[in-house]
């Protein structure tokens, strides 16, 4: 039987604080908005939305990208990254900002909006295979051939430290929050946030039922392969969660709830129609848990939701 390891001691609150100070000149302190539950047909206390879709490259990912480029030694060959789209755009943006060459590998499911961002940031772009795992395998070969520095989307200490700055920032902005809903793909975001909070708030992971990576891992007691499809496949379907984040999720994530593709689509539409927030499917998944009833807060529970990505392929919701 596989036994998951303990959380890596390098993923400490002190190191997240130090990393946040290092990347602060390069990332935005994204705003919060408090909305009435009734605006979305819900009962209960107001909902706090953390708008990471307003981060550079329209997702939380630049935090981890800059952490890698500033904490690790970058070779002359530059950096490489495999991505469903958002991580690649973030690495491309960070590399452009710091004057570092970058090669980004994405699968064919990556949205045109994300591909356009990567190209606009000046990175070399390679489309490989249908899923993230295909792009990752091609990236691994490139790194072995060229000596480029691999910037992993979630299985990297520095990535988790950078994403942990979301938790640090949110706690400073909204210290009274009881519960935080976070979408899960490979687990870099929820792992970094869990490393920061360490049980001081209730963290709920949210995944598509078509890509239940952390849900299956928690069932098994260790990361395992899961289904990898659905409307959010370009950001929330890496096949399995990371080994580094899993002990943090096991120890500090209350539970994972699953939402349907239809619920994610409804959440996208609701965020757009009510607030004019252009969330992509992965960015709207956590909010879908509230709208669909996959997570039902207590009447006075103070809930925050991360809207973590804003590169939608389309905002056409019909009449």
Protein backbone atom coordinates (compact mmCIF):
# COMPACT_ATOMS: atom_id res chain seq x y z
CA UNK A 1 0.00 0.00 0.00
CA UNK A 2 1.26 3.49 -0.92
CA UNK A 3 1.69 5.85 2.03
CA UNK A 4 1.63 9.58 1.31
CA UNK A 5 4.49 11.55 2.77
CA UNK A 6 4.24 14.39 5.24
CA UNK A 7 4.00 17.99 3.97
CA UNK A 8 7.40 19.22 2.77
CA UNK A 9 8.92 21.48 5.47
CA UNK A 10 9.99 23.86 2.71
CA UNK A 11 6.32 24.73 2.24
CA UNK A 12 6.15 26.79 5.42
CA UNK A 13 4.33 30.02 6.17
CA UNK A 14 7.69 31.77 6.62
CA UNK A 15 8.81 30.76 3.14
CA UNK A 16 5.49 31.79 1.62
CA UNK A 17 5.91 35.20 3.28
CA UNK A 18 9.45 35.53 1.91
CA UNK A 19 8.31 34.46 -1.56
CA UNK A 20 5.43 36.93 -1.49
CA UNK A 21 7.87 39.76 -0.76
CA UNK A 22 10.08 38.65 -3.64
CA UNK A 23 7.33 38.46 -6.25
CA UNK A 24 5.34 41.47 -4.99
CA UNK A 25 6.85 43.96 -7.49
CA UNK A 26 5.71 41.72 -10.36
CA UNK A 27 2.19 40.59 -9.39
CA UNK A 28 -1.04 42.40 -8.68
CA UNK A 29 -2.73 42.47 -5.31
CA UNK A 30 -6.06 41.40 -6.74
CA UNK A 31 -9.24 42.92 -5.30
CA UNK A 32 -12.14 41.42 -3.40
CA UNK A 33 -15.79 42.12 -4.07
CA UNK A 34 -18.55 41.34 -1.58
CA UNK A 35 -21.86 40.38 -3.17
CA UNK A 36 -25.26 39.67 -1.69
CA UNK A 37 -26.24 36.01 -1.86
CA UNK A 38 -29.69 37.06 -3.06
CA UNK A 39 -28.13 38.54 -6.21
CA UNK A 40 -27.57 34.94 -7.29
CA UNK A 41 -30.79 33.46 -5.91
CA UNK A 42 -29.10 32.15 -2.77
CA UNK A 43 -29.81 32.58 0.93
CA UNK A 44 -27.33 33.37 3.66
CA UNK A 45 -24.52 35.79 4.36
CA UNK A 46 -22.77 37.89 1.70
CA UNK A 47 -20.21 36.11 -0.48
CA UNK A 48 -16.66 37.38 -0.89
CA UNK A 49 -15.12 36.87 -4.34
CA UNK A 50 -11.33 37.03 -4.72
CA UNK A 51 -10.76 38.21 -8.28
CA UNK A 52 -7.60 36.44 -9.39
CA UNK A 53 -8.88 36.61 -12.96
CA UNK A 54 -7.64 40.24 -12.79
CA UNK A 55 -4.07 39.05 -12.24
CA UNK A 56 -1.50 39.43 -15.05
CA UNK A 57 -2.28 36.96 -17.88
CA UNK A 58 -5.80 36.62 -16.38
CA UNK A 59 -5.15 33.92 -13.79
CA UNK A 60 -3.39 33.32 -10.46
CA UNK A 61 -0.55 31.51 -12.24
CA UNK A 62 2.01 34.37 -12.50
CA UNK A 63 2.58 34.08 -8.75
CA UNK A 64 4.10 30.62 -9.16
CA UNK A 65 5.81 31.54 -12.42
CA UNK A 66 7.67 34.51 -10.93
CA UNK A 67 8.55 32.48 -7.83
CA UNK A 68 10.29 29.92 -10.04
CA UNK A 69 12.17 32.46 -12.13
CA UNK A 70 13.31 34.48 -9.11
CA UNK A 71 14.14 31.64 -6.72
CA UNK A 72 15.87 29.25 -9.14
CA UNK A 73 18.93 29.62 -11.36
CA UNK A 74 17.85 30.04 -14.98
CA UNK A 75 20.23 28.60 -17.63
CA UNK A 76 21.09 30.25 -20.93
CA UNK A 77 18.59 27.92 -22.65
CA UNK A 78 15.82 29.67 -20.76
CA UNK A 79 12.69 28.03 -19.40
CA UNK A 80 10.09 25.57 -20.60
CA UNK A 81 6.60 24.77 -19.36
CA UNK A 82 3.76 22.41 -20.19
CA UNK A 83 0.31 23.83 -19.65
CA UNK A 84 -3.37 23.63 -20.40
CA UNK A 85 -2.94 27.32 -21.16
CA UNK A 86 -2.95 29.53 -18.07
CA UNK A 87 0.36 28.30 -16.63
CA UNK A 88 1.97 28.66 -20.03
CA UNK A 89 0.67 32.20 -20.42
CA UNK A 90 1.94 33.05 -16.93
CA UNK A 91 5.41 31.62 -17.57
CA UNK A 92 5.53 33.42 -20.92
CA UNK A 93 4.54 36.69 -19.23
CA UNK A 94 7.06 36.30 -16.41
CA UNK A 95 9.82 35.34 -18.84
CA UNK A 96 9.03 38.34 -21.05
CA UNK A 97 9.07 40.64 -18.02
CA UNK A 98 12.46 39.35 -16.86
CA UNK A 99 14.00 39.01 -20.34
CA UNK A 100 14.25 35.20 -20.34
CA UNK A 101 13.58 32.94 -23.38
CA UNK A 102 10.60 30.61 -22.93
CA UNK A 103 9.15 27.63 -24.80
CA UNK A 104 5.59 26.65 -23.93
CA UNK A 105 3.90 23.32 -24.72
CA UNK A 106 0.11 23.15 -24.75
CA UNK A 107 -2.41 20.46 -25.76
CA UNK A 108 -4.95 20.96 -28.51
CA UNK A 109 -7.71 21.56 -25.94
CA UNK A 110 -6.08 24.85 -24.89
CA UNK A 111 -8.44 27.71 -25.65
CA UNK A 112 -7.63 30.12 -28.49
CA UNK A 113 -7.61 32.98 -25.96
CA UNK A 114 -4.82 31.32 -23.97
CA UNK A 115 -2.80 30.44 -27.07
CA UNK A 116 -3.09 34.03 -28.25
CA UNK A 117 -1.81 35.30 -24.88
CA UNK A 118 1.22 32.99 -24.97
CA UNK A 119 2.14 34.16 -28.46
CA UNK A 120 1.59 37.81 -27.53
CA UNK A 121 4.12 37.46 -24.70
CA UNK A 122 6.78 36.38 -27.19
CA UNK A 123 7.27 32.75 -26.15
CA UNK A 124 7.87 29.90 -28.58
CA UNK A 125 4.68 27.81 -28.68
CA UNK A 126 4.33 24.08 -29.40
CA UNK A 127 0.91 22.37 -29.59
CA UNK A 128 1.28 18.71 -28.63
CA UNK A 129 -1.43 16.06 -28.14
CA UNK A 130 -4.98 16.31 -26.87
CA UNK A 131 -4.43 16.58 -23.10
CA UNK A 132 -2.06 18.18 -20.59
CA UNK A 133 -0.19 14.89 -20.09
CA UNK A 134 0.74 14.84 -23.79
CA UNK A 135 2.14 18.37 -23.66
CA UNK A 136 4.01 17.52 -20.46
CA UNK A 137 5.71 14.51 -22.05
CA UNK A 138 6.86 16.64 -24.97
CA UNK A 139 8.09 19.35 -22.60
CA UNK A 140 10.08 16.78 -20.62
CA UNK A 141 11.84 15.67 -23.81
CA UNK A 142 12.64 19.29 -24.71
CA UNK A 143 14.13 19.96 -21.29
CA UNK A 144 16.31 16.83 -21.57
CA UNK A 145 17.50 17.87 -25.03
CA UNK A 146 18.21 21.56 -24.37
CA UNK A 147 18.92 21.96 -20.66
CA UNK A 148 16.10 24.50 -20.29
CA UNK A 149 14.68 24.97 -16.80
CA UNK A 150 11.37 23.14 -16.40
CA UNK A 151 8.70 25.24 -14.70
CA UNK A 152 6.05 22.76 -13.58
CA UNK A 153 2.46 23.90 -13.21
CA UNK A 154 2.05 22.33 -9.75
CA UNK A 155 4.72 19.74 -8.91
CA UNK A 156 7.36 22.26 -7.82
CA UNK A 157 8.15 23.76 -4.41
CA UNK A 158 8.54 27.24 -5.86
CA UNK A 159 5.22 27.01 -7.71
CA UNK A 160 3.40 26.11 -4.49
CA UNK A 161 5.16 28.90 -2.59
CA UNK A 162 4.06 31.42 -5.19
CA UNK A 163 0.47 30.21 -5.23
CA UNK A 164 0.46 30.29 -1.43
CA UNK A 165 0.69 34.08 -1.68
CA UNK A 166 -3.00 34.04 -2.68
CA UNK A 167 -3.81 32.75 0.80
CA UNK A 168 -1.54 35.29 2.49
CA UNK A 169 -3.12 38.11 0.52
CA UNK A 170 -6.69 36.93 1.09
CA UNK A 171 -6.19 36.55 4.83
CA UNK A 172 -4.95 40.14 5.05
CA UNK A 173 -7.90 41.40 2.99
CA UNK A 174 -10.64 39.28 4.59
CA UNK A 175 -9.49 37.97 7.98
CA UNK A 176 -13.03 37.07 9.10
CA UNK A 177 -13.65 34.45 6.36
CA UNK A 178 -14.80 31.06 7.68
CA UNK A 179 -14.68 29.02 4.47
CA UNK A 180 -12.81 29.25 1.19
CA UNK A 181 -13.86 27.49 -2.03
CA UNK A 182 -11.01 26.72 -4.44
CA UNK A 183 -11.06 25.00 -7.84
CA UNK A 184 -8.65 22.09 -8.22
CA UNK A 185 -6.70 20.89 -11.24
CA UNK A 186 -3.22 19.65 -10.46
CA UNK A 187 -3.51 21.16 -7.00
CA UNK A 188 -0.89 23.90 -7.01
CA UNK A 189 -3.35 26.61 -5.99
CA UNK A 190 -5.19 24.72 -3.27
CA UNK A 191 -1.92 23.19 -2.05
CA UNK A 192 -0.24 26.58 -1.69
CA UNK A 193 -3.30 28.05 0.02
CA UNK A 194 -3.54 25.06 2.37
CA UNK A 195 0.15 25.51 3.24
CA UNK A 196 -0.61 29.10 4.23
CA UNK A 197 -3.83 28.63 6.23
CA UNK A 198 -2.96 25.24 7.79
CA UNK A 199 -6.47 24.63 9.07
CA UNK A 200 -7.29 28.18 10.21
CA UNK A 201 -10.15 28.35 7.70
CA UNK A 202 -12.23 25.59 6.18
CA UNK A 203 -10.97 24.94 2.66
CA UNK A 204 -13.32 23.22 0.21
CA UNK A 205 -11.88 21.88 -3.03
CA UNK A 206 -14.13 22.00 -6.09
CA UNK A 207 -13.62 19.79 -9.14
CA UNK A 208 -15.59 18.90 -12.25
CA UNK A 209 -17.19 15.49 -11.99
CA UNK A 210 -15.45 14.78 -15.30
CA UNK A 211 -11.99 15.41 -13.78
CA UNK A 212 -12.07 14.38 -10.08
CA UNK A 213 -8.31 14.29 -9.50
CA UNK A 214 -8.11 15.30 -5.83
CA UNK A 215 -11.41 13.57 -5.03
CA UNK A 216 -10.00 10.25 -6.27
CA UNK A 217 -6.66 10.86 -4.53
CA UNK A 218 -8.31 11.45 -1.16
CA UNK A 219 -10.41 8.31 -1.65
CA UNK A 220 -7.28 6.27 -2.39
CA UNK A 221 -5.05 7.92 0.21
CA UNK A 222 -2.51 9.00 -2.41
CA UNK A 223 -2.46 10.57 -5.91
CA UNK A 224 -3.96 8.29 -8.57
CA UNK A 225 -4.94 8.68 -12.20
CA UNK A 226 -8.48 9.99 -12.68
CA UNK A 227 -10.76 10.87 -15.54
CA UNK A 228 -9.59 13.94 -17.46
CA UNK A 229 -12.25 15.62 -19.55
CA UNK A 230 -15.13 18.05 -19.56
CA UNK A 231 -15.73 21.73 -20.14
CA UNK A 232 -12.75 22.80 -17.97
CA UNK A 233 -10.29 20.25 -19.37
CA UNK A 234 -7.78 22.92 -20.38
CA UNK A 235 -7.28 23.99 -16.76
CA UNK A 236 -8.76 21.38 -14.40
CA UNK A 237 -7.91 18.02 -15.98
CA UNK A 238 -4.24 17.06 -15.47
CA UNK A 239 -5.05 13.35 -14.84
CA UNK A 240 -3.66 13.33 -11.28
CA UNK A 241 -2.76 15.79 -8.53
CA UNK A 242 0.80 16.46 -7.45
CA UNK A 243 2.72 14.47 -4.88
CA UNK A 244 3.91 17.68 -3.18
CA UNK A 245 0.45 19.14 -2.69
CA UNK A 246 -1.30 15.94 -1.62
CA UNK A 247 -0.14 15.85 2.03
CA UNK A 248 -1.27 19.46 2.39
CA UNK A 249 -4.68 18.64 0.96
CA UNK A 250 -4.98 15.53 3.10
CA UNK A 251 -4.18 17.46 6.27
CA UNK A 252 -5.75 20.87 5.64
CA UNK A 253 -8.52 20.58 3.02
CA UNK A 254 -11.88 19.83 4.63
CA UNK A 255 -13.28 17.98 1.61
CA UNK A 256 -13.75 18.06 -2.15
CA UNK A 257 -17.11 18.52 -3.87
CA UNK A 258 -17.86 17.73 -7.50
CA UNK A 259 -19.80 19.90 -9.94
CA UNK A 260 -21.20 19.16 -13.37
CA UNK A 261 -20.19 20.82 -16.61
CA UNK A 262 -23.69 22.31 -16.75
CA UNK A 263 -23.25 23.83 -13.28
CA UNK A 264 -19.91 25.35 -14.32
CA UNK A 265 -21.48 26.83 -17.42
CA UNK A 266 -24.31 28.32 -15.33
CA UNK A 267 -21.76 29.82 -12.94
CA UNK A 268 -19.87 31.39 -15.84
CA UNK A 269 -23.09 32.88 -17.16
CA UNK A 270 -24.17 34.13 -13.72
CA UNK A 271 -20.82 35.83 -13.04
CA UNK A 272 -20.97 37.50 -16.43
CA UNK A 273 -24.59 38.59 -16.37
CA UNK A 274 -24.57 39.79 -12.75
CA UNK A 275 -21.05 41.21 -12.35
CA UNK A 276 -19.59 41.29 -15.87
CA UNK A 277 -16.78 38.99 -14.76
CA UNK A 278 -15.44 36.99 -17.74
CA UNK A 279 -14.57 33.79 -15.90
CA UNK A 280 -13.39 30.77 -17.83
CA UNK A 281 -14.85 27.35 -16.88
CA UNK A 282 -12.01 26.55 -14.47
CA UNK A 283 -12.27 30.02 -12.98
CA UNK A 284 -16.00 29.63 -12.37
CA UNK A 285 -15.90 26.08 -10.99
CA UNK A 286 -15.59 27.08 -7.33
CA UNK A 287 -18.57 29.43 -7.62
CA UNK A 288 -20.53 26.62 -9.30
CA UNK A 289 -20.36 24.69 -6.02
CA UNK A 290 -22.46 27.41 -4.35
CA UNK A 291 -24.92 27.92 -7.18
CA UNK A 292 -25.54 24.19 -7.67
CA UNK A 293 -25.83 23.33 -3.99
CA UNK A 294 -22.78 21.06 -4.07
CA UNK A 295 -21.68 23.14 -1.09
CA UNK A 296 -24.37 24.69 1.13
CA UNK A 297 -23.05 27.13 3.76
CA UNK A 298 -24.64 27.58 7.16
CA UNK A 299 -26.86 30.70 7.36
CA UNK A 300 -24.19 32.89 8.97
CA UNK A 301 -21.13 31.23 7.39
CA UNK A 302 -18.74 33.74 5.81
CA UNK A 303 -17.72 32.22 2.49
CA UNK A 304 -15.02 33.35 0.08
CA UNK A 305 -14.70 32.03 -3.47
CA UNK A 306 -11.65 32.24 -5.69
CA UNK A 307 -12.49 33.28 -9.23
CA UNK A 308 -9.15 32.09 -10.45
CA UNK A 309 -9.11 32.41 -14.24
CA UNK A 310 -10.46 34.77 -16.90
CA UNK A 311 -9.52 33.41 -20.31
CA UNK A 312 -12.86 32.09 -21.60
CA UNK A 313 -13.10 30.70 -25.11
CA UNK A 314 -16.50 32.41 -25.43
CA UNK A 315 -18.97 34.55 -23.51
CA UNK A 316 -21.88 33.63 -25.75
CA UNK A 317 -24.64 32.57 -23.36
CA UNK A 318 -27.49 33.00 -25.78
CA UNK A 319 -30.39 35.37 -25.50
